[in-house]
Protein backbone atom coordinates (compact mmCIF):
# COMPACT_ATOMS: atom_id res chain seq x y z
CA UNK A 1 -19.14 -45.73 63.33
CA UNK A 2 -20.52 -49.24 63.20
CA UNK A 3 -21.36 -49.74 59.52
CA UNK A 4 -19.33 -50.41 56.38
CA UNK A 5 -18.46 -47.27 54.45
CA UNK A 6 -17.68 -47.69 50.73
CA UNK A 7 -18.26 -44.07 49.67
CA UNK A 8 -15.44 -41.63 50.32
CA UNK A 9 -16.06 -39.15 53.14
CA UNK A 10 -16.52 -35.53 52.09
CA UNK A 11 -15.65 -32.24 53.77
CA UNK A 12 -18.35 -29.54 53.70
CA UNK A 13 -18.28 -26.24 55.63
CA UNK A 14 -16.15 -27.47 58.53
CA UNK A 15 -17.83 -30.88 58.79
CA UNK A 16 -16.97 -34.37 57.53
CA UNK A 17 -19.80 -36.47 56.11
CA UNK A 18 -19.72 -40.32 56.08
CA UNK A 19 -22.14 -42.49 54.08
CA UNK A 20 -22.68 -46.19 54.85
CA UNK A 21 -23.80 -49.14 52.75
CA UNK A 22 -26.77 -49.41 55.15
CA UNK A 23 -27.88 -45.86 54.35
CA UNK A 24 -26.56 -44.20 57.50
CA UNK A 25 -25.28 -40.64 57.13
CA UNK A 26 -22.98 -39.41 59.89
CA UNK A 27 -21.76 -35.80 60.04
CA UNK A 28 -18.96 -34.93 62.47
CA UNK A 29 -17.16 -31.66 63.17
CA UNK A 30 -13.71 -31.51 61.57
CA UNK A 31 -11.86 -30.92 64.83
CA UNK A 32 -9.54 -32.70 67.24
CA UNK A 33 -12.49 -33.31 69.58
CA UNK A 34 -15.06 -35.85 68.30
CA UNK A 35 -18.46 -34.16 67.96
CA UNK A 36 -21.44 -35.60 66.10
CA UNK A 37 -23.30 -32.84 64.25
CA UNK A 38 -25.99 -35.04 62.67
CA UNK A 39 -26.92 -38.68 62.17
CA UNK A 40 -29.60 -39.73 59.69
CA UNK A 41 -30.97 -42.90 58.12
CA UNK A 42 -31.66 -42.87 54.37
CA UNK A 43 -34.11 -45.19 52.58
CA UNK A 44 -31.37 -47.60 51.39
CA UNK A 45 -27.62 -48.09 51.05
CA UNK A 46 -25.09 -45.61 49.70
CA UNK A 47 -22.10 -46.92 47.73
CA UNK A 48 -21.22 -43.94 45.54
CA UNK A 49 -19.35 -40.89 46.80
CA UNK A 50 -21.73 -37.90 46.82
CA UNK A 51 -21.12 -34.85 44.65
CA UNK A 52 -20.96 -31.23 45.81
CA UNK A 53 -22.90 -28.64 43.79
CA UNK A 54 -22.75 -25.04 45.04
CA UNK A 55 -24.34 -25.22 48.54
CA UNK A 56 -25.75 -28.74 48.12
CA UNK A 57 -24.77 -32.38 48.44
CA UNK A 58 -26.07 -34.66 45.66
CA UNK A 59 -26.57 -38.14 47.12
CA UNK A 60 -27.60 -41.36 45.37
CA UNK A 61 -29.00 -44.27 47.34
CA UNK A 62 -30.05 -47.57 45.83
CA UNK A 63 -33.57 -46.18 45.32
CA UNK A 64 -33.46 -42.39 44.97
CA UNK A 65 -31.39 -39.34 44.09
CA UNK A 66 -31.34 -36.57 46.72
CA UNK A 67 -30.23 -32.96 46.85
CA UNK A 68 -29.49 -31.78 50.39
CA UNK A 69 -28.77 -28.10 50.92
CA UNK A 70 -29.89 -24.57 50.27
CA UNK A 71 -31.12 -23.01 47.07
């Protein structure tokens, strides 16, 4: 993890999500062994802690509001 992270990490379905001020989203397995599940780059920085709604993560960047998940 090389960025600054202002938003609190969240735990979702056995994974921990991290959100950086540069817009990087890092998902790791919640386990003793470090395992990256996903790494993505959003359009802009993320300062606010995302919200969980049913099976989705609600994420606000500087530019947009996203819903990531299943219907």
